[in-house]
Amino acid sequence: SGSIFSITTMGWYRQAPGKQRDLVATITSGGDT
């Protein structure tokens, strides 16, 4: 929500205890994953 018109890529990251935050998956506004 908010300034959604300018969002391009969205994605998911995860962080396990004691570890860094890592990329899981991304998707562009055009659907590329």
PDB file of all heavy atoms in Angstrom:
ATOM      1  N   SER A   1       0.850  -1.182   0.000  1.00  0.00           N
ATOM      2  CA  SER A   1       0.000   0.000   0.000  1.00  0.00           C
ATOM      3  C   SER A   1       0.893   1.240   0.000  1.00  0.00           C
ATOM      4  O   SER A   1       2.097   1.146   0.198  1.00  0.00           O
ATOM      5  CB  SER A   1      -0.938   0.005   1.204  1.00  0.00           C
ATOM      6  OG  SER A   1      -0.192  -0.009   2.405  1.00  0.00           O
ATOM      7  N   GLY A   2       0.288   2.390  -0.227  1.00  0.00           N
ATOM      8  CA  GLY A   2       1.066   3.622  -0.285  1.00  0.00           C
ATOM      9  C   GLY A   2       1.422   3.962  -1.720  1.00  0.00           C
ATOM     10  O   GLY A   2       0.578   3.884  -2.609  1.00  0.00           O
ATOM     11  N   SER A   3       2.664   4.291  -1.968  1.00  0.00           N
ATOM     12  CA  SER A   3       3.118   4.702  -3.302  1.00  0.00           C
ATOM     13  C   SER A   3       3.389   3.485  -4.177  1.00  0.00           C
ATOM     14  O   SER A   3       4.505   3.267  -4.638  1.00  0.00           O
ATOM     15  CB  SER A   3       4.364   5.566  -3.184  1.00  0.00           C
ATOM     16  OG  SER A   3       4.114   6.725  -2.413  1.00  0.00           O
ATOM     17  N   ILE A   4       2.350   2.711  -4.424  1.00  0.00           N
ATOM     18  CA  ILE A   4       2.515   1.440  -5.114  1.00  0.00           C
ATOM     19  C   ILE A   4       2.781   1.601  -6.601  1.00  0.00           C
ATOM     20  O   ILE A   4       3.302   0.698  -7.241  1.00  0.00           O
ATOM     21  CB  ILE A   4       1.281   0.553  -4.906  1.00  0.00           C
ATOM     22  CG1 ILE A   4       0.026   1.281  -5.394  1.00  0.00           C
ATOM     23  CG2 ILE A   4       1.159   0.137  -3.452  1.00  0.00           C
ATOM     24  CD1 ILE A   4      -1.224   0.457  -5.323  1.00  0.00           C
ATOM     25  N   PHE A   5       2.448   2.757  -7.170  1.00  0.00           N
ATOM     26  CA  PHE A   5       2.586   2.945  -8.613  1.00  0.00           C
ATOM     27  C   PHE A   5       4.037   2.881  -9.063  1.00  0.00           C
ATOM     28  O   PHE A   5       4.326   2.593 -10.207  1.00  0.00           O
ATOM     29  CB  PHE A   5       1.992   4.302  -9.030  1.00  0.00           C
ATOM     30  CG  PHE A   5       2.669   5.474  -8.373  1.00  0.00           C
ATOM     31  CD1 PHE A   5       3.759   6.104  -8.988  1.00  0.00           C
ATOM     32  CD2 PHE A   5       2.247   5.938  -7.150  1.00  0.00           C
ATOM     33  CE1 PHE A   5       4.390   7.172  -8.381  1.00  0.00           C
ATOM     34  CE2 PHE A   5       2.872   7.008  -6.532  1.00  0.00           C
ATOM     35  CZ  PHE A   5       3.944   7.628  -7.151  1.00  0.00           C
ATOM     36  N   SER A   6       4.948   3.129  -8.144  1.00  0.00           N
ATOM     37  CA  SER A   6       6.360   3.172  -8.501  1.00  0.00           C
ATOM     38  C   SER A   6       7.106   1.882  -8.153  1.00  0.00           C
ATOM     39  O   SER A   6       8.316   1.799  -8.343  1.00  0.00           O
ATOM     40  CB  SER A   6       7.044   4.348  -7.811  1.00  0.00           C
ATOM     41  OG  SER A   6       6.916   4.235  -6.407  1.00  0.00           O
ATOM     42  N   ILE A   7       6.379   0.884  -7.648  1.00  0.00           N
ATOM     43  CA  ILE A   7       7.032  -0.384  -7.296  1.00  0.00           C
ATOM     44  C   ILE A   7       7.419  -1.124  -8.568  1.00  0.00           C
ATOM     45  O   ILE A   7       6.621  -1.265  -9.487  1.00  0.00           O
ATOM     46  CB  ILE A   7       6.103  -1.273  -6.450  1.00  0.00           C
ATOM     47  CG1 ILE A   7       5.859  -0.639  -5.095  1.00  0.00           C
ATOM     48  CG2 ILE A   7       6.722  -2.665  -6.270  1.00  0.00           C
ATOM     49  CD1 ILE A   7       4.874  -1.413  -4.236  1.00  0.00           C
ATOM     50  N   THR A   8       8.638  -1.605  -8.609  1.00  0.00           N
ATOM     51  CA  THR A   8       9.093  -2.425  -9.730  1.00  0.00           C
ATOM     52  C   THR A   8       9.207  -3.866  -9.268  1.00  0.00           C
ATOM     53  O   THR A   8       8.255  -4.613  -9.319  1.00  0.00           O
ATOM     54  CB  THR A   8      10.428  -1.896 -10.280  1.00  0.00           C
ATOM     55  OG1 THR A   8      11.392  -1.835  -9.213  1.00  0.00           O
ATOM     56  CG2 THR A   8      10.243  -0.519 -10.884  1.00  0.00           C
ATOM     57  N   THR A   9      10.346  -4.254  -8.749  1.00  0.00           N
ATOM     58  CA  THR A   9      10.547  -5.628  -8.315  1.00  0.00           C
ATOM     59  C   THR A   9      10.041  -5.841  -6.888  1.00  0.00           C
ATOM     60  O   THR A   9      10.221  -4.988  -6.020  1.00  0.00           O
ATOM     61  CB  THR A   9      12.030  -5.991  -8.389  1.00  0.00           C
ATOM     62  OG1 THR A   9      12.475  -5.860  -9.747  1.00  0.00           O
ATOM     63  CG2 THR A   9      12.292  -7.416  -7.917  1.00  0.00           C
ATOM     64  N   MET A  10       9.411  -6.973  -6.681  1.00  0.00           N
ATOM     65  CA  MET A  10       9.028  -7.410  -5.338  1.00  0.00           C
ATOM     66  C   MET A  10       9.649  -8.775  -5.088  1.00  0.00           C
ATOM     67  O   MET A  10       9.964  -9.508  -6.040  1.00  0.00           O
ATOM     68  CB  MET A  10       7.513  -7.486  -5.188  1.00  0.00           C
ATOM     69  CG  MET A  10       6.826  -6.140  -5.353  1.00  0.00           C
ATOM     70  SD  MET A  10       5.062  -6.199  -4.976  1.00  0.00           S
ATOM     71  CE  MET A  10       5.115  -6.316  -3.175  1.00  0.00           C
ATOM     72  N   GLY A  11       9.832  -9.095  -3.825  1.00  0.00           N
ATOM     73  CA  GLY A  11      10.454 -10.374  -3.547  1.00  0.00           C
ATOM     74  C   GLY A  11      10.330 -10.799  -2.104  1.00  0.00           C
ATOM     75  O   GLY A  11       9.709 -10.107  -1.285  1.00  0.00           O
ATOM     76  N   TRP A  12      10.898 -11.950  -1.842  1.00  0.00           N
ATOM     77  CA  TRP A  12      10.920 -12.514  -0.506  1.00  0.00           C
ATOM     78  C   TRP A  12      12.360 -12.821  -0.106  1.00  0.00           C
ATOM     79  O   TRP A  12      13.139 -13.342  -0.915  1.00  0.00           O
ATOM     80  CB  TRP A  12      10.090 -13.804  -0.447  1.00  0.00           C
ATOM     81  CG  TRP A  12       8.638 -13.580  -0.620  1.00  0.00           C
ATOM     82  CD1 TRP A  12       7.921 -13.613  -1.788  1.00  0.00           C
ATOM     83  CD2 TRP A  12       7.696 -13.276   0.419  1.00  0.00           C
ATOM     84  NE1 TRP A  12       6.609 -13.345  -1.541  1.00  0.00           N
ATOM     85  CE2 TRP A  12       6.435 -13.135  -0.197  1.00  0.00           C
ATOM     86  CE3 TRP A  12       7.783 -13.116   1.794  1.00  0.00           C
ATOM     87  CZ2 TRP A  12       5.277 -12.839   0.534  1.00  0.00           C
ATOM     88  CZ3 TRP A  12       6.652 -12.826   2.514  1.00  0.00           C
ATOM     89  CH2 TRP A  12       5.411 -12.690   1.884  1.00  0.00           C
ATOM     90  N   TYR A  13      12.672 -12.506   1.127  1.00  0.00           N
ATOM     91  CA  TYR A  13      13.950 -12.830   1.735  1.00  0.00           C
ATOM     92  C   TYR A  13      13.647 -13.618   3.006  1.00  0.00           C
ATOM     93  O   TYR A  13      12.522 -13.582   3.511  1.00  0.00           O
ATOM     94  CB  TYR A  13      14.726 -11.563   2.089  1.00  0.00           C
ATOM     95  CG  TYR A  13      15.240 -10.794   0.902  1.00  0.00           C
ATOM     96  CD1 TYR A  13      14.375 -10.135   0.037  1.00  0.00           C
ATOM     97  CD2 TYR A  13      16.610 -10.711   0.641  1.00  0.00           C
ATOM     98  CE1 TYR A  13      14.845  -9.422  -1.053  1.00  0.00           C
ATOM     99  CE2 TYR A  13      17.096  -9.991  -0.451  1.00  0.00           C
ATOM    100  CZ  TYR A  13      16.209  -9.355  -1.275  1.00  0.00           C
ATOM    101  OH  TYR A  13      16.690  -8.639  -2.361  1.00  0.00           O
ATOM    102  N   ARG A  14      14.665 -14.287   3.539  1.00  0.00           N
ATOM    103  CA  ARG A  14      14.479 -14.985   4.811  1.00  0.00           C
ATOM    104  C   ARG A  14      15.733 -14.880   5.653  1.00  0.00           C
ATOM    105  O   ARG A  14      16.840 -14.755   5.138  1.00  0.00           O
ATOM    106  CB  ARG A  14      14.093 -16.442   4.580  1.00  0.00           C
ATOM    107  CG  ARG A  14      15.184 -17.316   3.967  1.00  0.00           C
ATOM    108  CD  ARG A  14      14.624 -18.699   3.651  1.00  0.00           C
ATOM    109  NE  ARG A  14      15.650 -19.603   3.134  1.00  0.00           N
ATOM    110  CZ  ARG A  14      15.393 -20.818   2.672  1.00  0.00           C
ATOM    111  NH1 ARG A  14      14.144 -21.297   2.651  1.00  0.00           N
ATOM    112  NH2 ARG A  14      16.376 -21.584   2.221  1.00  0.00           N
ATOM    113  N   GLN A  15      15.499 -14.948   6.965  1.00  0.00           N
ATOM    114  CA  GLN A  15      16.605 -14.864   7.909  1.00  0.00           C
ATOM    115  C   GLN A  15      16.405 -15.890   9.002  1.00  0.00           C
ATOM    116  O   GLN A  15      15.433 -15.810   9.761  1.00  0.00           O
ATOM    117  CB  GLN A  15      16.718 -13.459   8.494  1.00  0.00           C
ATOM    118  CG  GLN A  15      17.944 -13.247   9.351  1.00  0.00           C
ATOM    119  CD  GLN A  15      18.174 -11.781   9.658  1.00  0.00           C
ATOM    120  OE1 GLN A  15      17.283 -10.944   9.526  1.00  0.00           O
ATOM    121  NE2 GLN A  15      19.383 -11.448  10.055  1.00  0.00           N
ATOM    122  N   ALA A  16      17.317 -16.840   9.063  1.00  0.00           N
ATOM    123  CA  ALA A  16      17.300 -17.847  10.119  1.00  0.00           C
ATOM    124  C   ALA A  16      18.078 -17.316  11.320  1.00  0.00           C
ATOM    125  O   ALA A  16      18.922 -16.424  11.174  1.00  0.00           O
ATOM    126  CB  ALA A  16      17.918 -19.146   9.610  1.00  0.00           C
ATOM    127  N   PRO A  17      17.824 -17.840  12.512  1.00  0.00           N
ATOM    128  CA  PRO A  17      18.526 -17.361  13.707  1.00  0.00           C
ATOM    129  C   PRO A  17      20.039 -17.434  13.542  1.00  0.00           C
ATOM    130  O   PRO A  17      20.583 -18.471  13.139  1.00  0.00           O
ATOM    131  CB  PRO A  17      18.043 -18.315  14.803  1.00  0.00           C
ATOM    132  CG  PRO A  17      16.717 -18.781  14.327  1.00  0.00           C
ATOM    133  CD  PRO A  17      16.817 -18.869  12.839  1.00  0.00           C
ATOM    134  N   GLY A  18      20.716 -16.324  13.837  1.00  0.00           N
ATOM    135  CA  GLY A  18      22.156 -16.290  13.764  1.00  0.00           C
ATOM    136  C   GLY A  18      22.740 -16.204  12.375  1.00  0.00           C
ATOM    137  O   GLY A  18      23.958 -16.285  12.210  1.00  0.00           O
ATOM    138  N   LYS A  19      21.885 -16.041  11.374  1.00  0.00           N
ATOM    139  CA  LYS A  19      22.361 -15.988   9.993  1.00  0.00           C
ATOM    140  C   LYS A  19      21.954 -14.676   9.343  1.00  0.00           C
ATOM    141  O   LYS A  19      21.104 -13.950   9.839  1.00  0.00           O
ATOM    142  CB  LYS A  19      21.810 -17.170   9.199  1.00  0.00           C
ATOM    143  CG  LYS A  19      22.307 -18.521   9.691  1.00  0.00           C
ATOM    144  CD  LYS A  19      21.906 -19.635   8.753  1.00  0.00           C
ATOM    145  CE  LYS A  19      22.482 -20.964   9.197  1.00  0.00           C
ATOM    146  NZ  LYS A  19      22.118 -22.066   8.262  1.00  0.00           N
ATOM    147  N   GLN A  20      22.549 -14.384   8.199  1.00  0.00           N
ATOM    148  CA  GLN A  20      22.215 -13.168   7.481  1.00  0.00           C
ATOM    149  C   GLN A  20      20.900 -13.349   6.734  1.00  0.00           C
ATOM    150  O   GLN A  20      20.420 -14.460   6.556  1.00  0.00           O
ATOM    151  CB  GLN A  20      23.328 -12.825   6.484  1.00  0.00           C
ATOM    152  CG  GLN A  20      23.483 -13.838   5.353  1.00  0.00           C
ATOM    153  CD  GLN A  20      24.621 -13.481   4.409  1.00  0.00           C
ATOM    154  OE1 GLN A  20      25.531 -12.741   4.756  1.00  0.00           O
ATOM    155  NE2 GLN A  20      24.578 -14.001   3.193  1.00  0.00           N
ATOM    156  N   ARG A  21      20.339 -12.237   6.302  1.00  0.00           N
ATOM    157  CA  ARG A  21      19.114 -12.266   5.517  1.00  0.00           C
ATOM    158  C   ARG A  21      19.476 -12.616   4.070  1.00  0.00           C
ATOM    159  O   ARG A  21      20.323 -11.956   3.461  1.00  0.00           O
ATOM    160  CB  ARG A  21      18.401 -10.912   5.586  1.00  0.00           C
ATOM    161  CG  ARG A  21      17.020 -10.917   4.980  1.00  0.00           C
ATOM    162  CD  ARG A  21      16.323  -9.582   5.199  1.00  0.00           C
ATOM    163  NE  ARG A  21      16.137  -9.298   6.616  1.00  0.00           N
ATOM    164  CZ  ARG A  21      15.427  -8.260   7.069  1.00  0.00           C
ATOM    165  NH1 ARG A  21      14.835  -7.440   6.205  1.00  0.00           N
ATOM    166  NH2 ARG A  21      15.305  -8.050   8.359  1.00  0.00           N
ATOM    167  N   ASP A  22      18.834 -13.630   3.547  1.00  0.00           N
ATOM    168  CA  ASP A  22      19.149 -14.120   2.204  1.00  0.00           C
ATOM    169  C   ASP A  22      17.959 -13.992   1.262  1.00  0.00           C
ATOM    170  O   ASP A  22      16.803 -14.127   1.686  1.00  0.00           O
ATOM    171  CB  ASP A  22      19.572 -15.600   2.252  1.00  0.00           C
ATOM    172  CG  ASP A  22      20.900 -15.815   2.941  1.00  0.00           C
ATOM    173  OD1 ASP A  22      21.783 -14.945   2.793  1.00  0.00           O
ATOM    174  OD2 ASP A  22      21.055 -16.854   3.614  1.00  0.00           O
ATOM    175  N   LEU A  23      18.273 -13.786  -0.001  1.00  0.00           N
ATOM    176  CA  LEU A  23      17.248 -13.712  -1.029  1.00  0.00           C
ATOM    177  C   LEU A  23      16.622 -15.093  -1.256  1.00  0.00           C
ATOM    178  O   LEU A  23      17.339 -16.096  -1.331  1.00  0.00           O
ATOM    179  CB  LEU A  23      17.866 -13.212  -2.330  1.00  0.00           C
ATOM    180  CG  LEU A  23      16.975 -13.218  -3.565  1.00  0.00           C
ATOM    181  CD1 LEU A  23      15.838 -12.246  -3.402  1.00  0.00           C
ATOM    182  CD2 LEU A  23      17.795 -12.902  -4.803  1.00  0.00           C
ATOM    183  N   VAL A  24      15.305 -15.114  -1.367  1.00  0.00           N
ATOM    184  CA  VAL A  24      14.592 -16.354  -1.677  1.00  0.00           C
ATOM    185  C   VAL A  24      14.108 -16.329  -3.126  1.00  0.00           C
ATOM    186  O   VAL A  24      14.394 -17.222  -3.905  1.00  0.00           O
ATOM    187  CB  VAL A  24      13.395 -16.559  -0.735  1.00  0.00           C
ATOM    188  CG1 VAL A  24      12.590 -17.801  -1.140  1.00  0.00           C
ATOM    189  CG2 VAL A  24      13.865 -16.679   0.708  1.00  0.00           C
ATOM    190  N   ALA A  25      13.366 -15.288  -3.475  1.00  0.00           N
ATOM    191  CA  ALA A  25      12.816 -15.188  -4.826  1.00  0.00           C
ATOM    192  C   ALA A  25      12.397 -13.752  -5.099  1.00  0.00           C
ATOM    193  O   ALA A  25      12.054 -13.018  -4.165  1.00  0.00           O
ATOM    194  CB  ALA A  25      11.604 -16.115  -4.991  1.00  0.00           C
ATOM    195  N   THR A  26      12.423 -13.372  -6.371  1.00  0.00           N
ATOM    196  CA  THR A  26      11.962 -12.054  -6.785  1.00  0.00           C
ATOM    197  C   THR A  26      11.092 -12.167  -8.028  1.00  0.00           C
ATOM    198  O   THR A  26      11.177 -13.159  -8.771  1.00  0.00           O
ATOM    199  CB  THR A  26      13.121 -11.095  -7.092  1.00  0.00           C
ATOM    200  OG1 THR A  26      13.896 -11.628  -8.173  1.00  0.00           O
ATOM    201  CG2 THR A  26      14.006 -10.875  -5.886  1.00  0.00           C
ATOM    202  N   ILE A  27      10.282 -11.145  -8.240  1.00  0.00           N
ATOM    203  CA  ILE A  27       9.445 -11.077  -9.438  1.00  0.00           C
ATOM    204  C   ILE A  27       9.337  -9.618  -9.856  1.00  0.00           C
ATOM    205  O   ILE A  27       9.102  -8.737  -9.028  1.00  0.00           O
ATOM    206  CB  ILE A  27       8.056 -11.710  -9.179  1.00  0.00           C
ATOM    207  CG1 ILE A  27       7.242 -11.744 -10.475  1.00  0.00           C
ATOM    208  CG2 ILE A  27       7.312 -11.012  -8.050  1.00  0.00           C
ATOM    209  CD1 ILE A  27       6.010 -12.636 -10.372  1.00  0.00           C
ATOM    210  N   THR A  28       9.518  -9.374 -11.145  1.00  0.00           N
ATOM    211  CA  THR A  28       9.423  -8.013 -11.654  1.00  0.00           C
ATOM    212  C   THR A  28       7.963  -7.672 -11.969  1.00  0.00           C
ATOM    213  O   THR A  28       7.085  -8.543 -11.950  1.00  0.00           O
ATOM    214  CB  THR A  28      10.255  -7.851 -12.925  1.00  0.00           C
ATOM    215  OG1 THR A  28       9.647  -8.630 -13.973  1.00  0.00           O
ATOM    216  CG2 THR A  28      11.690  -8.310 -12.713  1.00  0.00           C
ATOM    217  N   SER A  29       7.721  -6.417 -12.263  1.00  0.00           N
ATOM    218  CA  SER A  29       6.364  -6.001 -12.616  1.00  0.00           C
ATOM    219  C   SER A  29       5.908  -6.688 -13.903  1.00  0.00           C
ATOM    220  O   SER A  29       4.703  -6.834 -14.136  1.00  0.00           O
ATOM    221  CB  SER A  29       6.297  -4.486 -12.763  1.00  0.00           C
ATOM    222  OG  SER A  29       7.274  -4.034 -13.701  1.00  0.00           O
ATOM    223  N   GLY A  30       6.854  -7.112 -14.721  1.00  0.00           N
ATOM    224  CA  GLY A  30       6.523  -7.821 -15.955  1.00  0.00           C
ATOM    225  C   GLY A  30       6.389  -9.317 -15.789  1.00  0.00           C
ATOM    226  O   GLY A  30       6.059 -10.029 -16.750  1.00  0.00           O
ATOM    227  N   GLY A  31       6.662  -9.821 -14.574  1.00  0.00           N
ATOM    228  CA  GLY A  31       6.485 -11.238 -14.305  1.00  0.00           C
ATOM    229  C   GLY A  31       7.735 -12.085 -14.392  1.00  0.00           C
ATOM    230  O   GLY A  31       7.668 -13.314 -14.233  1.00  0.00           O
ATOM    231  N   ASP A  32       8.887 -11.485 -14.647  1.00  0.00           N
ATOM    232  CA  ASP A  32      10.129 -12.254 -14.663  1.00  0.00           C
ATOM    233  C   ASP A  32      10.495 -12.653 -13.241  1.00  0.00           C
ATOM    234  O   ASP A  32      10.443 -11.832 -12.326  1.00  0.00           O
ATOM    235  CB  ASP A  32      11.256 -11.436 -15.286  1.00  0.00           C
ATOM    236  CG  ASP A  32      11.019 -11.163 -16.765  1.00  0.00           C
ATOM    237  OD1 ASP A  32      10.433 -12.037 -17.442  1.00  0.00           O
ATOM    238  OD2 ASP A  32      11.401 -10.077 -17.230  1.00  0.00           O
ATOM    239  N   THR A  33      10.889 -13.904 -13.074  1.00  0.00           N
ATOM    240  CA  THR A  33      11.167 -14.418 -11.738  1.00  0.00           C
ATOM    241  C   THR A  33      12.612 -14.874 -11.598  1.00  0.00           C
ATOM    242  O   THR A  33      13.288 -15.204 -12.575  1.00  0.00           O
ATOM    243  CB  THR A  33      10.247 -15.606 -11.395  1.00  0.00           C
ATOM    244  OG1 THR A  33      10.436 -16.637 -12.368  1.00  0.00           O
ATOM    245  CG2 THR A  33       8.792 -15.181 -11.377  1.00  0.00           C
TER     246      THR A  33
END
